[in-house]
Amino acid sequence: MDEATARRLLEEKLAELLDEDRLGDADRATVELDQESVGRLSRMDALQVQAMAEAQARRRSAARNRIRAALKRLDDGDFGYCIECGDDIAAKRLEHDPSVTHCIKCAS
């Protein structure tokens, strides 16, 4: 995979993750515990939705960090090399996920 394609894919994925974060803001909002306006089961559902939204936000944050690290490796000229052993990372592996940091041998 050439570096221009990798950069484009990484930047597109980063923008997508940021958009998903904005869409999930309402689900992560504080759940009201006013028993007069919302029933117990509705509050439980809201708390579950909130917990799932927070977990998704954590996963997106981790993915953004991996993408930013991959973009830095591109800038530094280290993209496509295993951070463990220094060998080339297979092109198919990079095509699947350009933010990958290890060759298949070191990832195993």
PDB file of N, CA and C in Angstrom:
ATOM      1  N   MET A   1       0.856  -1.179   0.000  1.00  0.00           N
ATOM      2  CA  MET A   1       0.000   0.000   0.000  1.00  0.00           C
ATOM      3  C   MET A   1       0.895   1.233   0.000  1.00  0.00           C
ATOM      4  N   ASP A   2       0.610   2.144  -0.919  1.00  0.00           N
ATOM      5  CA  ASP A   2       1.431   3.349  -0.968  1.00  0.00           C
ATOM      6  C   ASP A   2       0.998   4.309   0.150  1.00  0.00           C
ATOM      7  N   GLU A   3       1.912   5.202   0.484  1.00  0.00           N
ATOM      8  CA  GLU A   3       1.685   6.089   1.628  1.00  0.00           C
ATOM      9  C   GLU A   3       0.534   7.063   1.405  1.00  0.00           C
ATOM     10  N   ALA A   4       0.338   7.529   0.178  1.00  0.00           N
ATOM     11  CA  ALA A   4      -0.753   8.476  -0.095  1.00  0.00           C
ATOM     12  C   ALA A   4      -2.110   7.807   0.136  1.00  0.00           C
ATOM     13  N   THR A   5      -2.250   6.565  -0.308  1.00  0.00           N
ATOM     14  CA  THR A   5      -3.493   5.821  -0.097  1.00  0.00           C
ATOM     15  C   THR A   5      -3.712   5.571   1.385  1.00  0.00           C
ATOM     16  N   ALA A   6      -2.653   5.181   2.077  1.00  0.00           N
ATOM     17  CA  ALA A   6      -2.752   4.924   3.512  1.00  0.00           C
ATOM     18  C   ALA A   6      -3.178   6.186   4.251  1.00  0.00           C
ATOM     19  N   ARG A   7      -2.562   7.317   3.904  1.00  0.00           N
ATOM     20  CA  ARG A   7      -2.909   8.582   4.569  1.00  0.00           C
ATOM     21  C   ARG A   7      -4.374   8.935   4.314  1.00  0.00           C
ATOM     22  N   ARG A   8      -4.818   8.776   3.072  1.00  0.00           N
ATOM     23  CA  ARG A   8      -6.212   9.095   2.736  1.00  0.00           C
ATOM     24  C   ARG A   8      -7.170   8.216   3.529  1.00  0.00           C
ATOM     25  N   LEU A   9      -6.898   6.898   3.580  1.00  0.00           N
ATOM     26  CA  LEU A   9      -7.767   5.982   4.319  1.00  0.00           C
ATOM     27  C   LEU A   9      -7.786   6.312   5.811  1.00  0.00           C
ATOM     28  N   LEU A  10      -6.624   6.607   6.362  1.00  0.00           N
ATOM     29  CA  LEU A  10      -6.541   6.935   7.788  1.00  0.00           C
ATOM     30  C   LEU A  10      -7.292   8.231   8.103  1.00  0.00           C
ATOM     31  N   GLU A  11      -7.114   9.242   7.266  1.00  0.00           N
ATOM     32  CA  GLU A  11      -7.798  10.515   7.509  1.00  0.00           C
ATOM     33  C   GLU A  11      -9.308  10.379   7.343  1.00  0.00           C
ATOM     34  N   GLU A  12      -9.755   9.566   6.377  1.00  0.00           N
ATOM     35  CA  GLU A  12     -11.190   9.328   6.207  1.00  0.00           C
ATOM     36  C   GLU A  12     -11.774   8.624   7.428  1.00  0.00           C
ATOM     37  N   LYS A  13     -11.070   7.623   7.930  1.00  0.00           N
ATOM     38  CA  LYS A  13     -11.546   6.889   9.101  1.00  0.00           C
ATOM     39  C   LYS A  13     -11.573   7.792  10.334  1.00  0.00           C
ATOM     40  N   LEU A  14     -10.572   8.646  10.472  1.00  0.00           N
ATOM     41  CA  LEU A  14     -10.524   9.575  11.599  1.00  0.00           C
ATOM     42  C   LEU A  14     -11.723  10.527  11.548  1.00  0.00           C
ATOM     43  N   ALA A  15     -12.029  11.059  10.379  1.00  0.00           N
ATOM     44  CA  ALA A  15     -13.178  11.957  10.234  1.00  0.00           C
ATOM     45  C   ALA A  15     -14.480  11.218  10.543  1.00  0.00           C
ATOM     46  N   GLU A  16     -14.568   9.976  10.103  1.00  0.00           N
ATOM     47  CA  GLU A  16     -15.757   9.156  10.369  1.00  0.00           C
ATOM     48  C   GLU A  16     -15.954   8.936  11.872  1.00  0.00           C
ATOM     49  N   LEU A  17     -14.867   8.652  12.573  1.00  0.00           N
ATOM     50  CA  LEU A  17     -14.944   8.442  14.017  1.00  0.00           C
ATOM     51  C   LEU A  17     -15.362   9.718  14.745  1.00  0.00           C
ATOM     52  N   LEU A  18     -14.857  10.857  14.300  1.00  0.00           N
ATOM     53  CA  LEU A  18     -15.233  12.128  14.923  1.00  0.00           C
ATOM     54  C   LEU A  18     -16.713  12.420  14.693  1.00  0.00           C
ATOM     55  N   ASP A  19     -17.207  12.106  13.503  1.00  0.00           N
ATOM     56  CA  ASP A  19     -18.642  12.278  13.226  1.00  0.00           C
ATOM     57  C   ASP A  19     -19.483  11.371  14.129  1.00  0.00           C
ATOM     58  N   GLU A  20     -19.049  10.127  14.292  1.00  0.00           N
ATOM     59  CA  GLU A  20     -19.779   9.192  15.152  1.00  0.00           C
ATOM     60  C   GLU A  20     -19.797   9.686  16.594  1.00  0.00           C
ATOM     61  N   ASP A  21     -18.705  10.297  17.041  1.00  0.00           N
ATOM     62  CA  ASP A  21     -18.673  10.854  18.397  1.00  0.00           C
ATOM     63  C   ASP A  21     -19.730  11.931  18.568  1.00  0.00           C
ATOM     64  N   ARG A  22     -19.840  12.820  17.586  1.00  0.00           N
ATOM     65  CA  ARG A  22     -20.835  13.894  17.683  1.00  0.00           C
ATOM     66  C   ARG A  22     -22.251  13.320  17.713  1.00  0.00           C
ATOM     67  N   LEU A  23     -22.502  12.271  16.948  1.00  0.00           N
ATOM     68  CA  LEU A  23     -23.832  11.666  16.921  1.00  0.00           C
ATOM     69  C   LEU A  23     -24.173  10.984  18.245  1.00  0.00           C
ATOM     70  N   GLY A  24     -23.168  10.468  18.944  1.00  0.00           N
ATOM     71  CA  GLY A  24     -23.409   9.743  20.181  1.00  0.00           C
ATOM     72  C   GLY A  24     -23.438  10.604  21.431  1.00  0.00           C
ATOM     73  N   ASP A  25     -23.253  11.911  21.290  1.00  0.00           N
ATOM     74  CA  ASP A  25     -23.227  12.798  22.463  1.00  0.00           C
ATOM     75  C   ASP A  25     -24.504  12.705  23.296  1.00  0.00           C
ATOM     76  N   ALA A  26     -25.647  12.661  22.646  1.00  0.00           N
ATOM     77  CA  ALA A  26     -26.925  12.633  23.383  1.00  0.00           C
ATOM     78  C   ALA A  26     -27.065  11.353  24.197  1.00  0.00           C
ATOM     79  N   ASP A  27     -26.595  10.227  23.660  1.00  0.00           N
ATOM     80  CA  ASP A  27     -26.713   8.955  24.383  1.00  0.00           C
ATOM     81  C   ASP A  27     -25.816   8.898  25.612  1.00  0.00           C
ATOM     82  N   ARG A  28     -24.740   9.684  25.611  1.00  0.00           N
ATOM     83  CA  ARG A  28     -23.819   9.681  26.753  1.00  0.00           C
ATOM     84  C   ARG A  28     -24.199  10.712  27.811  1.00  0.00           C
ATOM     85  N   ALA A  29     -25.259  11.460  27.565  1.00  0.00           N
ATOM     86  CA  ALA A  29     -25.686  12.501  28.509  1.00  0.00           C
ATOM     87  C   ALA A  29     -26.120  11.884  29.834  1.00  0.00           C
ATOM     88  N   THR A  30     -26.101  12.688  30.874  1.00  0.00           N
ATOM     89  CA  THR A  30     -26.518  12.253  32.208  1.00  0.00           C
ATOM     90  C   THR A  30     -27.983  11.827  32.187  1.00  0.00           C
ATOM     91  N   VAL A  31     -28.253  10.698  32.831  1.00  0.00           N
ATOM     92  CA  VAL A  31     -29.621  10.170  32.894  1.00  0.00           C
ATOM     93  C   VAL A  31     -30.329  10.801  34.079  1.00  0.00           C
ATOM     94  N   GLU A  32     -31.510  11.366  33.820  1.00  0.00           N
ATOM     95  CA  GLU A  32     -32.317  11.978  34.877  1.00  0.00           C
ATOM     96  C   GLU A  32     -32.917  10.881  35.761  1.00  0.00           C
ATOM     97  N   LEU A  33     -32.868  11.080  37.054  1.00  0.00           N
ATOM     98  CA  LEU A  33     -33.398  10.097  37.994  1.00  0.00           C
ATOM     99  C   LEU A  33     -34.687  10.564  38.658  1.00  0.00           C
ATOM    100  N   ASP A  34     -35.375  11.478  38.044  1.00  0.00           N
ATOM    101  CA  ASP A  34     -36.637  11.993  38.569  1.00  0.00           C
ATOM    102  C   ASP A  34     -37.721  10.937  38.369  1.00  0.00           C
ATOM    103  N   GLN A  35     -38.180  10.311  39.459  1.00  0.00           N
ATOM    104  CA  GLN A  35     -39.147   9.223  39.373  1.00  0.00           C
ATOM    105  C   GLN A  35     -40.526   9.692  38.928  1.00  0.00           C
ATOM    106  N   GLU A  36     -40.811  10.970  39.041  1.00  0.00           N
ATOM    107  CA  GLU A  36     -42.113  11.466  38.629  1.00  0.00           C
ATOM    108  C   GLU A  36     -42.214  11.614  37.110  1.00  0.00           C
ATOM    109  N   SER A  37     -41.089  11.842  36.444  1.00  0.00           N
ATOM    110  CA  SER A  37     -41.154  12.064  34.996  1.00  0.00           C
ATOM    111  C   SER A  37     -40.786  10.823  34.195  1.00  0.00           C
ATOM    112  N   VAL A  38     -40.018   9.904  34.785  1.00  0.00           N
ATOM    113  CA  VAL A  38     -39.576   8.714  34.057  1.00  0.00           C
ATOM    114  C   VAL A  38     -39.728   7.501  34.958  1.00  0.00           C
ATOM    115  N   GLY A  39     -40.275   6.435  34.421  1.00  0.00           N
ATOM    116  CA  GLY A  39     -40.443   5.211  35.194  1.00  0.00           C
ATOM    117  C   GLY A  39     -39.127   4.482  35.426  1.00  0.00           C
ATOM    118  N   ARG A  40     -39.148   3.526  36.365  1.00  0.00           N
ATOM    119  CA  ARG A  40     -37.936   2.788  36.741  1.00  0.00           C
ATOM    120  C   ARG A  40     -37.350   2.032  35.558  1.00  0.00           C
ATOM    121  N   LEU A  41     -38.171   1.349  34.781  1.00  0.00           N
ATOM    122  CA  LEU A  41     -37.658   0.586  33.643  1.00  0.00           C
ATOM    123  C   LEU A  41     -37.102   1.499  32.557  1.00  0.00           C
ATOM    124  N   SER A  42     -37.725   2.632  32.370  1.00  0.00           N
ATOM    125  CA  SER A  42     -37.218   3.592  31.388  1.00  0.00           C
ATOM    126  C   SER A  42     -35.854   4.129  31.808  1.00  0.00           C
ATOM    127  N   ARG A  43     -35.699   4.381  33.118  1.00  0.00           N
ATOM    128  CA  ARG A  43     -34.396   4.837  33.621  1.00  0.00           C
ATOM    129  C   ARG A  43     -33.352   3.752  33.437  1.00  0.00           C
ATOM    130  N   MET A  44     -33.723   2.499  33.716  1.00  0.00           N
ATOM    131  CA  MET A  44     -32.778   1.387  33.549  1.00  0.00           C
ATOM    132  C   MET A  44     -32.361   1.269  32.084  1.00  0.00           C
ATOM    133  N   ASP A  45     -33.319   1.411  31.183  1.00  0.00           N
ATOM    134  CA  ASP A  45     -32.998   1.376  29.754  1.00  0.00           C
ATOM    135  C   ASP A  45     -32.062   2.522  29.388  1.00  0.00           C
ATOM    136  N   ALA A  46     -32.359   3.702  29.905  1.00  0.00           N
ATOM    137  CA  ALA A  46     -31.533   4.873  29.612  1.00  0.00           C
ATOM    138  C   ALA A  46     -30.110   4.687  30.141  1.00  0.00           C
ATOM    139  N   LEU A  47     -29.987   4.097  31.334  1.00  0.00           N
ATOM    140  CA  LEU A  47     -28.664   3.840  31.900  1.00  0.00           C
ATOM    141  C   LEU A  47     -27.900   2.818  31.058  1.00  0.00           C
ATOM    142  N   GLN A  48     -28.596   1.818  30.549  1.00  0.00           N
ATOM    143  CA  GLN A  48     -27.951   0.822  29.704  1.00  0.00           C
ATOM    144  C   GLN A  48     -27.493   1.455  28.387  1.00  0.00           C
ATOM    145  N   VAL A  49     -28.326   2.272  27.786  1.00  0.00           N
ATOM    146  CA  VAL A  49     -27.958   2.974  26.553  1.00  0.00           C
ATOM    147  C   VAL A  49     -26.748   3.863  26.809  1.00  0.00           C
ATOM    148  N   GLN A  50     -26.746   4.547  27.953  1.00  0.00           N
ATOM    149  CA  GLN A  50     -25.632   5.416  28.304  1.00  0.00           C
ATOM    150  C   GLN A  50     -24.339   4.611  28.447  1.00  0.00           C
ATOM    151  N   ALA A  51     -24.400   3.471  29.132  1.00  0.00           N
ATOM    152  CA  ALA A  51     -23.211   2.632  29.329  1.00  0.00           C
ATOM    153  C   ALA A  51     -22.679   2.116  27.995  1.00  0.00           C
ATOM    154  N   MET A  52     -23.581   1.708  27.114  1.00  0.00           N
ATOM    155  CA  MET A  52     -23.147   1.215  25.803  1.00  0.00           C
ATOM    156  C   MET A  52     -22.532   2.351  24.985  1.00  0.00           C
ATOM    157  N   ALA A  53     -23.115   3.543  25.061  1.00  0.00           N
ATOM    158  CA  ALA A  53     -22.583   4.693  24.332  1.00  0.00           C
ATOM    159  C   ALA A  53     -21.196   5.072  24.841  1.00  0.00           C
ATOM    160  N   GLU A  54     -21.016   5.000  26.158  1.00  0.00           N
ATOM    161  CA  GLU A  54     -19.699   5.309  26.728  1.00  0.00           C
ATOM    162  C   GLU A  54     -18.665   4.279  26.298  1.00  0.00           C
ATOM    163  N   ALA A  55     -19.037   3.008  26.239  1.00  0.00           N
ATOM    164  CA  ALA A  55     -18.113   1.962  25.787  1.00  0.00           C
ATOM    165  C   ALA A  55     -17.739   2.177  24.321  1.00  0.00           C
ATOM    166  N   GLN A  56     -18.720   2.530  23.506  1.00  0.00           N
ATOM    167  CA  GLN A  56     -18.442   2.808  22.097  1.00  0.00           C
ATOM    168  C   GLN A  56     -17.522   4.022  21.963  1.00  0.00           C
ATOM    169  N   ALA A  57     -17.739   5.027  22.786  1.00  0.00           N
ATOM    170  CA  ALA A  57     -16.892   6.221  22.748  1.00  0.00           C
ATOM    171  C   ALA A  57     -15.449   5.868  23.115  1.00  0.00           C
ATOM    172  N   ARG A  58     -15.269   4.978  24.096  1.00  0.00           N
ATOM    173  CA  ARG A  58     -13.914   4.545  24.469  1.00  0.00           C
ATOM    174  C   ARG A  58     -13.241   3.797  23.317  1.00  0.00           C
ATOM    175  N   ARG A  59     -14.015   2.932  22.631  1.00  0.00           N
ATOM    176  CA  ARG A  59     -13.449   2.202  21.488  1.00  0.00           C
ATOM    177  C   ARG A  59     -13.076   3.162  20.359  1.00  0.00           C
ATOM    178  N   ARG A  60     -13.929   4.151  20.106  1.00  0.00           N
ATOM    179  CA  ARG A  60     -13.613   5.134  19.067  1.00  0.00           C
ATOM    180  C   ARG A  60     -12.389   5.956  19.449  1.00  0.00           C
ATOM    181  N   SER A  61     -12.252   6.285  20.715  1.00  0.00           N
ATOM    182  CA  SER A  61     -11.086   7.040  21.177  1.00  0.00           C
ATOM    183  C   SER A  61      -9.804   6.228  20.968  1.00  0.00           C
ATOM    184  N   ALA A  62      -9.852   4.951  21.296  1.00  0.00           N
ATOM    185  CA  ALA A  62      -8.681   4.090  21.084  1.00  0.00           C
ATOM    186  C   ALA A  62      -8.353   3.999  19.592  1.00  0.00           C
ATOM    187  N   ALA A  63      -9.379   3.890  18.754  1.00  0.00           N
ATOM    188  CA  ALA A  63      -9.160   3.821  17.304  1.00  0.00           C
ATOM    189  C   ALA A  63      -8.559   5.135  16.799  1.00  0.00           C
ATOM    190  N   ARG A  64      -9.042   6.274  17.308  1.00  0.00           N
ATOM    191  CA  ARG A  64      -8.474   7.569  16.908  1.00  0.00           C
ATOM    192  C   ARG A  64      -7.007   7.650  17.299  1.00  0.00           C
ATOM    193  N   ASN A  65      -6.663   7.165  18.477  1.00  0.00           N
ATOM    194  CA  ASN A  65      -5.264   7.184  18.917  1.00  0.00           C
ATOM    195  C   ASN A  65      -4.392   6.320  18.010  1.00  0.00           C
ATOM    196  N   ARG A  66      -4.908   5.135  17.610  1.00  0.00           N
ATOM    197  CA  ARG A  66      -4.147   4.267  16.694  1.00  0.00           C
ATOM    198  C   ARG A  66      -3.959   4.952  15.342  1.00  0.00           C
ATOM    199  N   ILE A  67      -5.001   5.618  14.864  1.00  0.00           N
ATOM    200  CA  ILE A  67      -4.920   6.300  13.568  1.00  0.00           C
ATOM    201  C   ILE A  67      -3.929   7.456  13.632  1.00  0.00           C
ATOM    202  N   ARG A  68      -3.993   8.244  14.694  1.00  0.00           N
ATOM    203  CA  ARG A  68      -3.053   9.364  14.832  1.00  0.00           C
ATOM    204  C   ARG A  68      -1.613   8.869  14.921  1.00  0.00           C
ATOM    205  N   ALA A  69      -1.411   7.742  15.601  1.00  0.00           N
ATOM    206  CA  ALA A  69      -0.069   7.159  15.682  1.00  0.00           C
ATOM    207  C   ALA A  69       0.395   6.699  14.296  1.00  0.00           C
ATOM    208  N   ALA A  70      -0.514   6.123  13.512  1.00  0.00           N
ATOM    209  CA  ALA A  70      -0.163   5.686  12.150  1.00  0.00           C
ATOM    210  C   ALA A  70       0.169   6.890  11.274  1.00  0.00           C
ATOM    211  N   LEU A  71      -0.591   7.977  11.411  1.00  0.00           N
ATOM    212  CA  LEU A  71      -0.289   9.188  10.647  1.00  0.00           C
ATOM    213  C   LEU A  71       1.076   9.753  11.043  1.00  0.00           C
ATOM    214  N   LYS A  72       1.423   9.666  12.316  1.00  0.00           N
ATOM    215  CA  LYS A  72       2.743  10.119  12.769  1.00  0.00           C
ATOM    216  C   LYS A  72       3.834   9.228  12.179  1.00  0.00           C
ATOM    217  N   ARG A  73       3.581   7.910  12.131  1.00  0.00           N
ATOM    218  CA  ARG A  73       4.566   7.014  11.513  1.00  0.00           C
ATOM    219  C   ARG A  73       4.743   7.355  10.032  1.00  0.00           C
ATOM    220  N   LEU A  74       3.657   7.734   9.365  1.00  0.00           N
ATOM    221  CA  LEU A  74       3.758   8.174   7.971  1.00  0.00           C
ATOM    222  C   LEU A  74       4.645   9.409   7.871  1.00  0.00           C
ATOM    223  N   ASP A  75       4.417  10.379   8.752  1.00  0.00           N
ATOM    224  CA  ASP A  75       5.209  11.614   8.749  1.00  0.00           C
ATOM    225  C   ASP A  75       6.678  11.345   9.040  1.00  0.00           C
ATOM    226  N   ASP A  76       6.943  10.378   9.913  1.00  0.00           N
ATOM    227  CA  ASP A  76       8.312  10.069  10.335  1.00  0.00           C
ATOM    228  C   ASP A  76       9.020   9.099   9.386  1.00  0.00           C
ATOM    229  N   GLY A  77       8.293   8.541   8.419  1.00  0.00           N
ATOM    230  CA  GLY A  77       8.896   7.581   7.497  1.00  0.00           C
ATOM    231  C   GLY A  77       8.975   6.164   8.044  1.00  0.00           C
ATOM    232  N   ASP A  78       8.230   5.895   9.110  1.00  0.00           N
ATOM    233  CA  ASP A  78       8.257   4.570   9.740  1.00  0.00           C
ATOM    234  C   ASP A  78       7.035   3.726   9.411  1.00  0.00           C
ATOM    235  N   PHE A  79       6.164   4.217   8.542  1.00  0.00           N
ATOM    236  CA  PHE A  79       4.930   3.509   8.234  1.00  0.00           C
ATOM    237  C   PHE A  79       5.225   2.220   7.476  1.00  0.00           C
ATOM    238  N   GLY A  80       4.515   1.153   7.854  1.00  0.00           N
ATOM    239  CA  GLY A  80       4.649  -0.124   7.163  1.00  0.00           C
ATOM    240  C   GLY A  80       5.687  -1.052   7.761  1.00  0.00           C
ATOM    241  N   TYR A  81       6.312  -0.603   8.835  1.00  0.00           N
ATOM    242  CA  TYR A  81       7.311  -1.429   9.509  1.00  0.00           C
ATOM    243  C   TYR A  81       6.807  -1.824  10.891  1.00  0.00           C
ATOM    244  N   CYS A  82       7.066  -3.052  11.281  1.00  0.00           N
ATOM    245  CA  CYS A  82       6.667  -3.564  12.583  1.00  0.00           C
ATOM    246  C   CYS A  82       7.398  -2.794  13.683  1.00  0.00           C
ATOM    247  N   ILE A  83       6.664  -2.335  14.687  1.00  0.00           N
ATOM    248  CA  ILE A  83       7.299  -1.584  15.777  1.00  0.00           C
ATOM    249  C   ILE A  83       8.054  -2.510  16.735  1.00  0.00           C
ATOM    250  N   GLU A  84       7.830  -3.813  16.594  1.00  0.00           N
ATOM    251  CA  GLU A  84       8.501  -4.780  17.464  1.00  0.00           C
ATOM    252  C   GLU A  84       9.834  -5.237  16.860  1.00  0.00           C
ATOM    253  N   CYS A  85       9.781  -5.743  15.621  1.00  0.00           N
ATOM    254  CA  CYS A  85      10.982  -6.334  15.019  1.00  0.00           C
ATOM    255  C   CYS A  85      11.560  -5.511  13.872  1.00  0.00           C
ATOM    256  N   GLY A  86      10.799  -4.542  13.354  1.00  0.00           N
ATOM    257  CA  GLY A  86      11.290  -3.692  12.275  1.00  0.00           C
ATOM    258  C   GLY A  86      11.072  -4.242  10.881  1.00  0.00           C
ATOM    259  N   ASP A  87      10.550  -5.465  10.758  1.00  0.00           N
ATOM    260  CA  ASP A  87      10.279  -6.044   9.444  1.00  0.00           C
ATOM    261  C   ASP A  87       9.099  -5.341   8.784  1.00  0.00           C
ATOM    262  N   ASP A  88       9.000  -5.524   7.469  1.00  0.00           N
ATOM    263  CA  ASP A  88       7.857  -4.974   6.736  1.00  0.00           C
ATOM    264  C   ASP A  88       6.565  -5.643   7.195  1.00  0.00           C
ATOM    265  N   ILE A  89       5.506  -4.862   7.267  1.00  0.00           N
ATOM    266  CA  ILE A  89       4.175  -5.400   7.523  1.00  0.00           C
ATOM    267  C   ILE A  89       3.569  -5.721   6.161  1.00  0.00           C
ATOM    268  N   ALA A  90       2.960  -6.890   6.032  1.00  0.00           N
ATOM    269  CA  ALA A  90       2.406  -7.323   4.755  1.00  0.00           C
ATOM    270  C   ALA A  90       1.407  -6.302   4.213  1.00  0.00           C
ATOM    271  N   ALA A  91       1.468  -6.092   2.897  1.00  0.00           N
ATOM    272  CA  ALA A  91       0.588  -5.113   2.248  1.00  0.00           C
ATOM    273  C   ALA A  91      -0.883  -5.439   2.488  1.00  0.00           C
ATOM    274  N   LYS A  92      -1.251  -6.711   2.427  1.00  0.00           N
ATOM    275  CA  LYS A  92      -2.652  -7.099   2.653  1.00  0.00           C
ATOM    276  C   LYS A  92      -3.088  -6.730   4.069  1.00  0.00           C
ATOM    277  N   ARG A  93      -2.182  -6.878   5.015  1.00  0.00           N
ATOM    278  CA  ARG A  93      -2.494  -6.537   6.408  1.00  0.00           C
ATOM    279  C   ARG A  93      -2.717  -5.027   6.539  1.00  0.00           C
ATOM    280  N   LEU A  94      -1.894  -4.234   5.868  1.00  0.00           N
ATOM    281  CA  LEU A  94      -2.045  -2.787   5.898  1.00  0.00           C
ATOM    282  C   LEU A  94      -3.297  -2.337   5.152  1.00  0.00           C
ATOM    283  N   GLU A  95      -3.639  -3.038   4.073  1.00  0.00           N
ATOM    284  CA  GLU A  95      -4.856  -2.703   3.337  1.00  0.00           C
ATOM    285  C   GLU A  95      -6.090  -2.924   4.207  1.00  0.00           C
ATOM    286  N   HIS A  96      -6.050  -3.990   4.995  1.00  0.00           N
ATOM    287  CA  HIS A  96      -7.178  -4.281   5.895  1.00  0.00           C
ATOM    288  C   HIS A  96      -7.292  -3.230   6.996  1.00  0.00           C
ATOM    289  N   ASP A  97      -6.146  -2.858   7.579  1.00  0.00           N
ATOM    290  CA  ASP A  97      -6.130  -1.867   8.655  1.00  0.00           C
ATOM    291  C   ASP A  97      -4.807  -1.097   8.591  1.00  0.00           C
ATOM    292  N   PRO A  98      -4.809   0.096   7.998  1.00  0.00           N
ATOM    293  CA  PRO A  98      -3.567   0.862   7.875  1.00  0.00           C
ATOM    294  C   PRO A  98      -2.965   1.309   9.205  1.00  0.00           C
ATOM    295  N   SER A  99      -3.713   1.185  10.298  1.00  0.00           N
ATOM    296  CA  SER A  99      -3.183   1.596  11.597  1.00  0.00           C
ATOM    297  C   SER A  99      -2.469   0.464  12.338  1.00  0.00           C
ATOM    298  N   VAL A 100      -2.370  -0.695  11.706  1.00  0.00           N
ATOM    299  CA  VAL A 100      -1.747  -1.843  12.356  1.00  0.00           C
ATOM    300  C   VAL A 100      -0.266  -1.535  12.635  1.00  0.00           C
ATOM    301  N   THR A 101       0.223  -2.038  13.772  1.00  0.00           N
ATOM    302  CA  THR A 101       1.589  -1.695  14.205  1.00  0.00           C
ATOM    303  C   THR A 101       2.563  -2.861  14.186  1.00  0.00           C
ATOM    304  N   HIS A 102       2.040  -4.089  14.038  1.00  0.00           N
ATOM    305  CA  HIS A 102       2.903  -5.267  14.122  1.00  0.00           C
ATOM    306  C   HIS A 102       2.758  -6.157  12.895  1.00  0.00           C
ATOM    307  N   CYS A 103       3.842  -6.812  12.531  1.00  0.00           N
ATOM    308  CA  CYS A 103       3.772  -7.825  11.484  1.00  0.00           C
ATOM    309  C   CYS A 103       3.004  -9.021  12.062  1.00  0.00           C
ATOM    310  N   ILE A 104       2.599  -9.920  11.197  1.00  0.00           N
ATOM    311  CA  ILE A 104       1.785 -11.052  11.659  1.00  0.00           C
ATOM    312  C   ILE A 104       2.545 -11.926  12.653  1.00  0.00           C
ATOM    313  N   LYS A 105       3.847 -12.063  12.463  1.00  0.00           N
ATOM    314  CA  LYS A 105       4.655 -12.889  13.379  1.00  0.00           C
ATOM    315  C   LYS A 105       4.661 -12.300  14.785  1.00  0.00           C
ATOM    316  N   CYS A 106       4.890 -11.004  14.897  1.00  0.00           N
ATOM    317  CA  CYS A 106       4.929 -10.366  16.220  1.00  0.00           C
ATOM    318  C   CYS A 106       3.537 -10.202  16.831  1.00  0.00           C
ATOM    319  N   ALA A 107       2.517 -10.115  16.002  1.00  0.00           N
ATOM    320  CA  ALA A 107       1.155  -9.985  16.511  1.00  0.00           C
ATOM    321  C   ALA A 107       0.634 -11.284  17.084  1.00  0.00           C
ATOM    322  N   SER A 108       1.221 -12.405  16.680  1.00  0.00           N
ATOM    323  CA  SER A 108       0.760 -13.721  17.151  1.00  0.00           C
ATOM    324  C   SER A 108       1.217 -14.035  18.551  1.00  0.00           C
TER     325      SER A 108
END
